Amino acid sequence: MDYTTLSPEEVQHFLDYGFVHLTNCFDTDFAAQSTSAAFERLGYREDDPATWEQPIIHMPNKGFVDVKEFAPKAYGAICDLLGGEDRVETPVRWGDGYIVNFKLGADREWVAPSPESGGWHKDGDFFWHFLDSPEQGLLLIVVWRDIEPRGGGTFMACDSIKPVAEYLNNNREGLHPFEGGFGKFIYECKDFRELTGKAGDVVIMHPFMLHASSQNHSGKARFITNPPVALKAPMNFNRDNVDDFSPVELAVLKALGVERLDFQIEGERRRFDAKAYREARAQKQNS
């Protein structure tokens, strides 16, 4: 497969560790203006941490950018990892629904990434999960402001793709996005990393990567978004030409220890209403 943006070394890094970290992907002036506007949306003063009432906030989207125009290097890498632009559900857009970690865990002693640090999960709360699910072809962390060590950067378990892939392959009826039990595989992992970066960076992860929020001891607000990128069709692990496998597919085959796989689901592909599920659980707990 020919790659338009990523180097062979970057593709190999993705295959070995489940992610690639790109720098200088978009206009940092735009990022600064947009994140400053987010403080106004929240009613917080950027220069006064005493006004930052919530430790972490998931903001709704109010505006979007077209990634192909706004961040062409990131878009090219997305296409490379998914096997070409013709396989990507377009347009790919990023919103300003920032996940702002103001001071999560700042009142507790710092805990480095490990199984015990907690919160480990696989993304995708809006669909039933299969090995070949197209709904989330990649997991992105878009860095809108600098993230320093212990500054709330996402924790990653870079050797989690193998146990997650095996679990999905062994549960072809599909797995519930909340009750699927993906987080338990963190105890099989040993390669833990803390994401740091500069505004304008984009970290692209394999969709099977277990990851978690972290404490923010920096005194600075951490701004990221993690928009999914969808495929037009399910992943294919049994292509006629091995050169047509995408790096995302190759990573799954590598995790399973096979060169190809005739994978067929035994359940129904369907969307999942995460909001209704959370509300029902809350009502049950309060009853």
C-alpha atoms as a PDB file:
ATOM      1  CA  MET A   1       0.000   0.000   0.000  1.00  0.00           C
ATOM      2  CA  ASP A   2       1.270   3.452  -0.904  1.00  0.00           C
ATOM      3  CA  TYR A   3       1.182   6.182   1.749  1.00  0.00           C
ATOM      4  CA  THR A   4       0.729   9.855   0.936  1.00  0.00           C
ATOM      5  CA  THR A   5       1.645  11.405   4.277  1.00  0.00           C
ATOM      6  CA  LEU A   6       3.167   8.972   6.758  1.00  0.00           C
ATOM      7  CA  SER A   7       6.705   7.661   6.452  1.00  0.00           C
ATOM      8  CA  PRO A   8       7.372   3.900   6.572  1.00  0.00           C
ATOM      9  CA  GLU A   9       8.831   4.448  10.048  1.00  0.00           C
ATOM     10  CA  GLU A  10       5.649   6.159  11.256  1.00  0.00           C
ATOM     11  CA  VAL A  11       3.487   3.354   9.885  1.00  0.00           C
ATOM     12  CA  GLN A  12       5.709   0.785  11.592  1.00  0.00           C
ATOM     13  CA  HIS A  13       5.458   2.725  14.852  1.00  0.00           C
ATOM     14  CA  PHE A  14       1.675   2.545  14.558  1.00  0.00           C
ATOM     15  CA  LEU A  15       1.862  -1.217  13.984  1.00  0.00           C
ATOM     16  CA  ASP A  16       4.236  -1.715  16.917  1.00  0.00           C
ATOM     17  CA  TYR A  17       2.734   0.656  19.474  1.00  0.00           C
ATOM     18  CA  GLY A  18      -0.771   1.458  18.259  1.00  0.00           C
ATOM     19  CA  PHE A  19      -0.365   5.187  17.724  1.00  0.00           C
ATOM     20  CA  VAL A  20       1.421   7.902  15.773  1.00  0.00           C
ATOM     21  CA  HIS A  21       2.084  11.401  17.113  1.00  0.00           C
ATOM     22  CA  LEU A  22       1.950  14.174  14.496  1.00  0.00           C
ATOM     23  CA  THR A  23       3.148  17.724  15.148  1.00  0.00           C
ATOM     24  CA  ASN A  24       2.233  21.106  13.644  1.00  0.00           C
ATOM     25  CA  CYS A  25      -1.005  19.888  12.103  1.00  0.00           C
ATOM     26  CA  PHE A  26      -3.109  23.053  12.314  1.00  0.00           C
ATOM     27  CA  ASP A  27      -3.119  26.785  13.003  1.00  0.00           C
ATOM     28  CA  THR A  28      -2.274  27.437  16.646  1.00  0.00           C
ATOM     29  CA  ASP A  29      -3.628  31.000  16.479  1.00  0.00           C
ATOM     30  CA  PHE A  30      -7.026  29.556  15.620  1.00  0.00           C
ATOM     31  CA  ALA A  31      -6.661  27.095  18.499  1.00  0.00           C
ATOM     32  CA  ALA A  32      -5.802  29.882  20.951  1.00  0.00           C
ATOM     33  CA  GLN A  33      -8.782  31.985  19.892  1.00  0.00           C
ATOM     34  CA  SER A  34     -11.187  29.055  19.987  1.00  0.00           C
ATOM     35  CA  THR A  35     -10.087  27.830  23.410  1.00  0.00           C
ATOM     36  CA  SER A  36     -10.220  31.355  24.832  1.00  0.00           C
ATOM     37  CA  ALA A  37     -13.782  31.593  23.543  1.00  0.00           C
ATOM     38  CA  ALA A  38     -14.519  28.336  25.363  1.00  0.00           C
ATOM     39  CA  PHE A  39     -13.781  30.024  28.691  1.00  0.00           C
ATOM     40  CA  GLU A  40     -16.381  32.649  27.807  1.00  0.00           C
ATOM     41  CA  ARG A  41     -18.881  29.935  26.871  1.00  0.00           C
ATOM     42  CA  LEU A  42     -18.373  28.367  30.295  1.00  0.00           C
ATOM     43  CA  GLY A  43     -18.494  31.643  32.193  1.00  0.00           C
ATOM     44  CA  TYR A  44     -14.990  31.082  33.549  1.00  0.00           C
ATOM     45  CA  ARG A  45     -12.167  33.609  33.616  1.00  0.00           C
ATOM     46  CA  GLU A  46      -9.120  32.329  31.810  1.00  0.00           C
ATOM     47  CA  ASP A  47      -6.776  34.262  34.098  1.00  0.00           C
ATOM     48  CA  ASP A  48      -8.473  33.208  37.348  1.00  0.00           C
ATOM     49  CA  PRO A  49      -8.377  29.473  38.199  1.00  0.00           C
ATOM     50  CA  ALA A  50     -10.576  30.209  41.215  1.00  0.00           C
ATOM     51  CA  THR A  51     -13.487  30.523  38.754  1.00  0.00           C
ATOM     52  CA  TRP A  52     -12.899  27.044  37.332  1.00  0.00           C
ATOM     53  CA  GLU A  53     -15.648  25.342  39.301  1.00  0.00           C
ATOM     54  CA  GLN A  54     -15.699  21.930  37.645  1.00  0.00           C
ATOM     55  CA  PRO A  55     -12.567  19.741  37.571  1.00  0.00           C
ATOM     56  CA  ILE A  56     -13.373  18.448  34.073  1.00  0.00           C
ATOM     57  CA  ILE A  57     -16.029  19.397  31.524  1.00  0.00           C
ATOM     58  CA  HIS A  58     -17.180  17.849  28.246  1.00  0.00           C
ATOM     59  CA  MET A  59     -18.421  20.776  26.174  1.00  0.00           C
ATOM     60  CA  PRO A  60     -21.004  20.464  23.373  1.00  0.00           C
ATOM     61  CA  ASN A  61     -20.038  21.269  19.807  1.00  0.00           C
ATOM     62  CA  LYS A  62     -21.040  24.677  18.483  1.00  0.00           C
ATOM     63  CA  GLY A  63     -18.801  24.921  15.433  1.00  0.00           C
ATOM     64  CA  PHE A  64     -16.919  22.571  13.122  1.00  0.00           C
ATOM     65  CA  VAL A  65     -13.937  22.597  10.787  1.00  0.00           C
ATOM     66  CA  ASP A  66     -13.352  20.425   7.738  1.00  0.00           C
ATOM     67  CA  VAL A  67     -10.218  18.452   8.574  1.00  0.00           C
ATOM     68  CA  LYS A  68      -9.109  18.039   4.967  1.00  0.00           C
ATOM     69  CA  GLU A  69      -8.715  21.811   4.713  1.00  0.00           C
ATOM     70  CA  PHE A  70      -7.961  22.697   8.339  1.00  0.00           C
ATOM     71  CA  ALA A  71      -5.398  19.973   9.094  1.00  0.00           C
ATOM     72  CA  PRO A  72      -4.280  18.381   5.804  1.00  0.00           C
ATOM     73  CA  LYS A  73      -1.374  16.475   7.358  1.00  0.00           C
ATOM     74  CA  ALA A  74      -3.648  14.865   9.927  1.00  0.00           C
ATOM     75  CA  TYR A  75      -6.211  14.119   7.226  1.00  0.00           C
ATOM     76  CA  GLY A  76      -3.571  12.493   5.042  1.00  0.00           C
ATOM     77  CA  ALA A  77      -2.404  10.347   7.948  1.00  0.00           C
ATOM     78  CA  ILE A  78      -5.981   9.297   8.687  1.00  0.00           C
ATOM     79  CA  CYS A  79      -6.401   8.189   5.088  1.00  0.00           C
ATOM     80  CA  ASP A  80      -3.059   6.359   5.142  1.00  0.00           C
ATOM     81  CA  LEU A  81      -3.964   4.405   8.275  1.00  0.00           C
ATOM     82  CA  LEU A  82      -7.440   3.477   7.042  1.00  0.00           C
ATOM     83  CA  GLY A  83      -6.317   2.346   3.594  1.00  0.00           C
ATOM     84  CA  GLY A  84      -7.053   5.386   1.466  1.00  0.00           C
ATOM     85  CA  GLU A  85      -9.514   8.243   1.249  1.00  0.00           C
ATOM     86  CA  ASP A  86     -12.028   6.097  -0.618  1.00  0.00           C
ATOM     87  CA  ARG A  87     -12.535   3.988   2.530  1.00  0.00           C
ATOM     88  CA  VAL A  88     -13.103   6.940   4.875  1.00  0.00           C
ATOM     89  CA  GLU A  89     -16.563   8.232   5.741  1.00  0.00           C
ATOM     90  CA  THR A  90     -16.368  11.844   4.644  1.00  0.00           C
ATOM     91  CA  PRO A  91     -16.423  14.670   5.395  1.00  0.00           C
ATOM     92  CA  VAL A  92     -14.158  14.297   8.409  1.00  0.00           C
ATOM     93  CA  ARG A  93     -14.946  17.165  10.777  1.00  0.00           C
ATOM     94  CA  TRP A  94     -13.683  18.331  14.144  1.00  0.00           C
ATOM     95  CA  GLY A  95     -15.884  20.279  16.517  1.00  0.00           C
ATOM     96  CA  ASP A  96     -15.190  22.627  19.395  1.00  0.00           C
ATOM     97  CA  GLY A  97     -16.774  20.334  21.967  1.00  0.00           C
ATOM     98  CA  TYR A  98     -13.631  20.435  24.069  1.00  0.00           C
ATOM     99  CA  ILE A  99     -12.855  18.054  26.881  1.00  0.00           C
ATOM    100  CA  VAL A 100     -11.387  20.540  29.331  1.00  0.00           C
ATOM    101  CA  ASN A 101      -9.460  19.104  32.251  1.00  0.00           C
ATOM    102  CA  PHE A 102      -9.106  22.047  34.614  1.00  0.00           C
ATOM    103  CA  LYS A 103      -7.918  20.336  37.779  1.00  0.00           C
ATOM    104  CA  LEU A 104      -9.016  16.705  37.822  1.00  0.00           C
ATOM    105  CA  GLY A 105      -7.282  15.007  40.742  1.00  0.00           C
ATOM    106  CA  ALA A 106      -5.209  18.074  41.583  1.00  0.00           C
ATOM    107  CA  ASP A 107      -6.085  17.578  45.244  1.00  0.00           C
ATOM    108  CA  ARG A 108      -4.598  14.070  45.296  1.00  0.00           C
ATOM    109  CA  GLU A 109      -1.076  12.727  45.016  1.00  0.00           C
ATOM    110  CA  TRP A 110      -0.010  12.095  41.420  1.00  0.00           C
ATOM    111  CA  VAL A 111      -0.551   8.524  40.190  1.00  0.00           C
ATOM    112  CA  ALA A 112       1.425   7.405  37.137  1.00  0.00           C
ATOM    113  CA  PRO A 113      -0.309   5.325  34.436  1.00  0.00           C
ATOM    114  CA  SER A 114      -0.802   1.732  35.552  1.00  0.00           C
ATOM    115  CA  PRO A 115      -3.681  -0.710  35.957  1.00  0.00           C
ATOM    116  CA  GLU A 116      -4.259   0.830  39.384  1.00  0.00           C
ATOM    117  CA  SER A 117      -4.610   4.397  38.066  1.00  0.00           C
ATOM    118  CA  GLY A 118      -8.081   3.438  36.854  1.00  0.00           C
ATOM    119  CA  GLY A 119     -10.558   4.670  34.269  1.00  0.00           C
ATOM    120  CA  TRP A 120      -9.266   2.492  31.431  1.00  0.00           C
ATOM    121  CA  HIS A 121     -11.698   2.033  28.572  1.00  0.00           C
ATOM    122  CA  LYS A 122     -12.183   1.489  24.850  1.00  0.00           C
ATOM    123  CA  ASP A 123     -13.950   4.332  23.070  1.00  0.00           C
ATOM    124  CA  GLY A 124     -17.214   4.008  21.186  1.00  0.00           C
ATOM    125  CA  ASP A 125     -20.305   4.472  23.348  1.00  0.00           C
ATOM    126  CA  PHE A 126     -22.654   4.775  20.380  1.00  0.00           C
ATOM    127  CA  PHE A 127     -22.508   1.311  18.765  1.00  0.00           C
ATOM    128  CA  TRP A 128     -22.266  -2.402  19.509  1.00  0.00           C
ATOM    129  CA  HIS A 129     -18.674  -3.529  19.133  1.00  0.00           C
ATOM    130  CA  PHE A 130     -17.341  -6.102  16.684  1.00  0.00           C
ATOM    131  CA  LEU A 131     -13.812  -6.887  15.552  1.00  0.00           C
ATOM    132  CA  ASP A 132     -14.488  -5.176  12.220  1.00  0.00           C
ATOM    133  CA  SER A 133     -16.724  -2.305  13.400  1.00  0.00           C
ATOM    134  CA  PRO A 134     -16.655   0.622  10.951  1.00  0.00           C
ATOM    135  CA  GLU A 135     -18.128   3.203  13.325  1.00  0.00           C
ATOM    136  CA  GLN A 136     -14.756   4.021  14.874  1.00  0.00           C
ATOM    137  CA  GLY A 137     -11.905   3.333  12.489  1.00  0.00           C
ATOM    138  CA  LEU A 138      -9.456   5.444  14.481  1.00  0.00           C
ATOM    139  CA  LEU A 139      -9.253   7.227  17.819  1.00  0.00           C
ATOM    140  CA  LEU A 140      -7.917  10.785  17.680  1.00  0.00           C
ATOM    141  CA  ILE A 141      -6.588  13.077  20.372  1.00  0.00           C
ATOM    142  CA  VAL A 142      -6.474  16.621  18.996  1.00  0.00           C
ATOM    143  CA  VAL A 143      -4.303  18.872  21.169  1.00  0.00           C
ATOM    144  CA  TRP A 144      -5.652  22.443  21.284  1.00  0.00           C
ATOM    145  CA  ARG A 145      -3.346  23.743  24.017  1.00  0.00           C
ATOM    146  CA  ASP A 146       0.062  22.585  25.209  1.00  0.00           C
ATOM    147  CA  ILE A 147       0.014  19.568  27.527  1.00  0.00           C
ATOM    148  CA  GLU A 148       2.977  19.220  29.837  1.00  0.00           C
ATOM    149  CA  PRO A 149       3.852  16.207  32.006  1.00  0.00           C
ATOM    150  CA  ARG A 150       1.278  15.694  34.750  1.00  0.00           C
ATOM    151  CA  GLY A 151      -0.900  18.186  32.901  1.00  0.00           C
ATOM    152  CA  GLY A 152      -3.927  15.972  32.269  1.00  0.00           C
ATOM    153  CA  GLY A 153      -2.630  14.215  29.168  1.00  0.00           C
ATOM    154  CA  THR A 154      -4.420  11.024  28.197  1.00  0.00           C
ATOM    155  CA  PHE A 155      -2.928   7.775  29.503  1.00  0.00           C
ATOM    156  CA  MET A 156      -2.403   5.081  26.852  1.00  0.00           C
ATOM    157  CA  ALA A 157      -1.815   1.334  27.147  1.00  0.00           C
ATOM    158  CA  CYS A 158       0.160   0.636  23.992  1.00  0.00           C
ATOM    159  CA  ASP A 159       0.042  -3.159  24.286  1.00  0.00           C
ATOM    160  CA  SER A 160      -3.733  -3.339  24.771  1.00  0.00           C
ATOM    161  CA  ILE A 161      -4.621  -3.941  21.120  1.00  0.00           C
ATOM    162  CA  LYS A 162      -3.787  -7.642  21.298  1.00  0.00           C
ATOM    163  CA  PRO A 163      -6.078  -8.638  24.200  1.00  0.00           C
ATOM    164  CA  VAL A 164      -8.894  -6.407  22.930  1.00  0.00           C
ATOM    165  CA  ALA A 165      -8.637  -7.904  19.425  1.00  0.00           C
ATOM    166  CA  GLU A 166      -8.666 -11.446  20.819  1.00  0.00           C
ATOM    167  CA  TYR A 167     -11.690 -10.640  22.968  1.00  0.00           C
ATOM    168  CA  LEU A 168     -13.646  -9.196  20.050  1.00  0.00           C
ATOM    169  CA  ASN A 169     -12.716 -12.127  17.818  1.00  0.00           C
ATOM    170  CA  ASN A 170     -14.002 -14.530  20.458  1.00  0.00           C
ATOM    171  CA  ASN A 171     -17.284 -12.630  20.889  1.00  0.00           C
ATOM    172  CA  ARG A 172     -18.606 -12.373  17.369  1.00  0.00           C
ATOM    173  CA  GLU A 173     -22.159 -11.790  18.590  1.00  0.00           C
ATOM    174  CA  GLY A 174     -21.063  -8.258  19.479  1.00  0.00           C
ATOM    175  CA  LEU A 175     -20.263  -6.527  22.753  1.00  0.00           C
ATOM    176  CA  HIS A 176     -22.175  -3.881  24.685  1.00  0.00           C
ATOM    177  CA  PRO A 177     -20.310  -0.533  24.634  1.00  0.00           C
ATOM    178  CA  PHE A 178     -20.625  -0.042  28.403  1.00  0.00           C
ATOM    179  CA  GLU A 179     -20.890  -3.600  29.706  1.00  0.00           C
ATOM    180  CA  GLY A 180     -18.491  -5.293  27.302  1.00  0.00           C
ATOM    181  CA  GLY A 181     -15.756  -5.537  29.902  1.00  0.00           C
ATOM    182  CA  PHE A 182     -12.897  -4.138  27.813  1.00  0.00           C
ATOM    183  CA  GLY A 183     -11.242  -2.383  30.741  1.00  0.00           C
ATOM    184  CA  LYS A 184     -10.345  -5.638  32.485  1.00  0.00           C
ATOM    185  CA  PHE A 185      -7.618  -6.272  29.926  1.00  0.00           C
ATOM    186  CA  ILE A 186      -5.559  -3.441  31.363  1.00  0.00           C
ATOM    187  CA  TYR A 187      -4.139  -6.008  33.790  1.00  0.00           C
ATOM    188  CA  GLU A 188      -2.488  -7.759  30.841  1.00  0.00           C
ATOM    189  CA  CYS A 189      -0.714  -4.557  29.788  1.00  0.00           C
ATOM    190  CA  LYS A 190       2.746  -3.268  30.674  1.00  0.00           C
ATOM    191  CA  ASP A 191       3.480  -0.472  28.157  1.00  0.00           C
ATOM    192  CA  PHE A 192       1.891   2.621  29.688  1.00  0.00           C
ATOM    193  CA  ARG A 193       2.433   6.145  28.408  1.00  0.00           C
ATOM    194  CA  GLU A 194       1.312   9.656  29.281  1.00  0.00           C
ATOM    195  CA  LEU A 195       0.402  11.876  26.352  1.00  0.00           C
ATOM    196  CA  THR A 196       2.128  15.245  26.241  1.00  0.00           C
ATOM    197  CA  GLY A 197       2.280  17.640  23.324  1.00  0.00           C
ATOM    198  CA  LYS A 198       1.995  21.082  21.825  1.00  0.00           C
ATOM    199  CA  ALA A 199      -1.034  22.885  20.465  1.00  0.00           C
ATOM    200  CA  GLY A 200      -1.431  21.749  16.871  1.00  0.00           C
ATOM    201  CA  ASP A 201      -0.424  18.149  17.588  1.00  0.00           C
ATOM    202  CA  VAL A 202      -2.660  15.216  16.714  1.00  0.00           C
ATOM    203  CA  VAL A 203      -2.214  11.754  18.184  1.00  0.00           C
ATOM    204  CA  ILE A 204      -3.859   9.034  16.111  1.00  0.00           C
ATOM    205  CA  MET A 205      -4.519   5.772  17.927  1.00  0.00           C
ATOM    206  CA  HIS A 206      -5.781   2.364  16.943  1.00  0.00           C
ATOM    207  CA  PRO A 207      -9.472   2.054  17.867  1.00  0.00           C
ATOM    208  CA  PHE A 208      -8.679  -0.870  20.196  1.00  0.00           C
ATOM    209  CA  MET A 209      -6.297   1.193  22.341  1.00  0.00           C
ATOM    210  CA  LEU A 210      -7.274   1.266  26.002  1.00  0.00           C
ATOM    211  CA  HIS A 211      -6.815   4.736  27.427  1.00  0.00           C
ATOM    212  CA  ALA A 212      -7.847   6.843  30.408  1.00  0.00           C
ATOM    213  CA  SER A 213      -8.132  10.372  31.740  1.00  0.00           C
ATOM    214  CA  SER A 214      -5.349  11.525  34.040  1.00  0.00           C
ATOM    215  CA  GLN A 215      -4.888  13.990  36.860  1.00  0.00           C
ATOM    216  CA  ASN A 216      -3.990  17.567  36.044  1.00  0.00           C
ATOM    217  CA  HIS A 217      -1.403  18.965  38.430  1.00  0.00           C
ATOM    218  CA  SER A 218      -0.203  21.715  36.072  1.00  0.00           C
ATOM    219  CA  GLY A 219      -2.496  24.535  37.140  1.00  0.00           C
ATOM    220  CA  LYS A 220      -3.361  25.015  33.450  1.00  0.00           C
ATOM    221  CA  ALA A 221      -6.510  23.994  31.617  1.00  0.00           C
ATOM    222  CA  ARG A 222      -5.969  21.083  29.255  1.00  0.00           C
ATOM    223  CA  PHE A 223      -7.958  21.240  26.006  1.00  0.00           C
ATOM    224  CA  ILE A 224      -8.414  18.206  23.759  1.00  0.00           C
ATOM    225  CA  THR A 225     -11.052  16.723  21.524  1.00  0.00           C
ATOM    226  CA  ASN A 226     -11.281  13.057  20.584  1.00  0.00           C
ATOM    227  CA  PRO A 227     -13.452  12.824  17.476  1.00  0.00           C
ATOM    228  CA  PRO A 228     -13.998   9.390  15.934  1.00  0.00           C
ATOM    229  CA  VAL A 229     -13.253   8.689  12.295  1.00  0.00           C
ATOM    230  CA  ALA A 230     -15.615   6.239  10.615  1.00  0.00           C
ATOM    231  CA  LEU A 231     -15.132   3.833   7.747  1.00  0.00           C
ATOM    232  CA  LYS A 232     -17.599   3.531   4.892  1.00  0.00           C
ATOM    233  CA  ALA A 233     -17.622  -0.252   5.317  1.00  0.00           C
ATOM    234  CA  PRO A 234     -16.482  -2.743   7.974  1.00  0.00           C
ATOM    235  CA  MET A 235     -12.827  -3.638   8.161  1.00  0.00           C
ATOM    236  CA  ASN A 236     -11.819  -6.539   5.950  1.00  0.00           C
ATOM    237  CA  PHE A 237      -9.294  -9.033   7.273  1.00  0.00           C
ATOM    238  CA  ASN A 238      -9.473 -11.350   4.258  1.00  0.00           C
ATOM    239  CA  ARG A 239      -8.577  -9.177   1.278  1.00  0.00           C
ATOM    240  CA  ASP A 240      -7.492 -10.887  -1.935  1.00  0.00           C
ATOM    241  CA  ASN A 241      -4.323  -8.807  -2.143  1.00  0.00           C
ATOM    242  CA  VAL A 242      -2.332  -8.519   1.094  1.00  0.00           C
ATOM    243  CA  ASP A 243      -1.033  -5.144  -0.078  1.00  0.00           C
ATOM    244  CA  ASP A 244      -4.582  -3.800   0.259  1.00  0.00           C
ATOM    245  CA  PHE A 245      -4.734  -4.281   4.026  1.00  0.00           C
ATOM    246  CA  SER A 246      -4.765  -0.971   5.887  1.00  0.00           C
ATOM    247  CA  PRO A 247      -2.385  -0.449   8.825  1.00  0.00           C
ATOM    248  CA  VAL A 248      -5.397  -0.591  11.157  1.00  0.00           C
ATOM    249  CA  GLU A 249      -6.343  -3.990   9.728  1.00  0.00           C
ATOM    250  CA  LEU A 250      -2.734  -5.184   9.763  1.00  0.00           C
ATOM    251  CA  ALA A 251      -2.450  -4.269  13.442  1.00  0.00           C
ATOM    252  CA  VAL A 252      -5.453  -6.488  14.204  1.00  0.00           C
ATOM    253  CA  LEU A 253      -4.062  -9.395  12.185  1.00  0.00           C
ATOM    254  CA  LYS A 254      -0.708  -8.970  13.917  1.00  0.00           C
ATOM    255  CA  ALA A 255      -2.436  -8.970  17.306  1.00  0.00           C
ATOM    256  CA  LEU A 256      -4.239 -12.201  16.425  1.00  0.00           C
ATOM    257  CA  GLY A 257      -1.082 -13.816  15.040  1.00  0.00           C
ATOM    258  CA  VAL A 258      -2.565 -14.554  11.610  1.00  0.00           C
ATOM    259  CA  GLU A 259      -1.929 -13.346   8.066  1.00  0.00           C
ATOM    260  CA  ARG A 260      -5.629 -13.121   7.228  1.00  0.00           C
ATOM    261  CA  LEU A 261      -8.966 -13.913   8.844  1.00  0.00           C
ATOM    262  CA  ASP A 262     -12.349 -14.780   7.359  1.00  0.00           C
ATOM    263  CA  PHE A 263     -14.276 -12.876   9.993  1.00  0.00           C
ATOM    264  CA  GLN A 264     -18.084 -12.946  10.024  1.00  0.00           C
ATOM    265  CA  ILE A 265     -20.228 -11.346  12.700  1.00  0.00           C
ATOM    266  CA  GLU A 266     -22.847 -13.447  14.494  1.00  0.00           C
ATOM    267  CA  GLY A 267     -24.939 -10.572  15.790  1.00  0.00           C
ATOM    268  CA  GLU A 268     -26.570  -7.403  14.505  1.00  0.00           C
ATOM    269  CA  ARG A 269     -24.779  -4.147  13.804  1.00  0.00           C
ATOM    270  CA  ARG A 270     -26.718  -1.428  15.546  1.00  0.00           C
ATOM    271  CA  ARG A 271     -26.354   1.987  17.066  1.00  0.00           C
ATOM    272  CA  PHE A 272     -26.559   2.525  20.804  1.00  0.00           C
ATOM    273  CA  ASP A 273     -28.249   5.366  22.682  1.00  0.00           C
ATOM    274  CA  ALA A 274     -25.641   6.186  25.312  1.00  0.00           C
ATOM    275  CA  LYS A 275     -27.622   9.104  26.737  1.00  0.00           C
ATOM    276  CA  ALA A 276     -30.716   6.995  27.373  1.00  0.00           C
ATOM    277  CA  TYR A 277     -28.573   4.246  28.886  1.00  0.00           C
ATOM    278  CA  ARG A 278     -26.895   6.637  31.322  1.00  0.00           C
ATOM    279  CA  GLU A 279     -30.229   8.183  32.310  1.00  0.00           C
ATOM    280  CA  ALA A 280     -31.768   4.754  32.935  1.00  0.00           C
ATOM    281  CA  ARG A 281     -28.824   3.715  35.097  1.00  0.00           C
ATOM    282  CA  ALA A 282     -29.037   6.945  37.085  1.00  0.00           C
ATOM    283  CA  GLN A 283     -32.761   6.434  37.712  1.00  0.00           C
ATOM    284  CA  LYS A 284     -32.147   2.856  38.825  1.00  0.00           C
ATOM    285  CA  GLN A 285     -29.408   3.914  41.230  1.00  0.00           C
ATOM    286  CA  ASN A 286     -31.610   6.652  42.689  1.00  0.00           C
ATOM    287  CA  SER A 287     -34.698   4.483  43.092  1.00  0.00           C
END
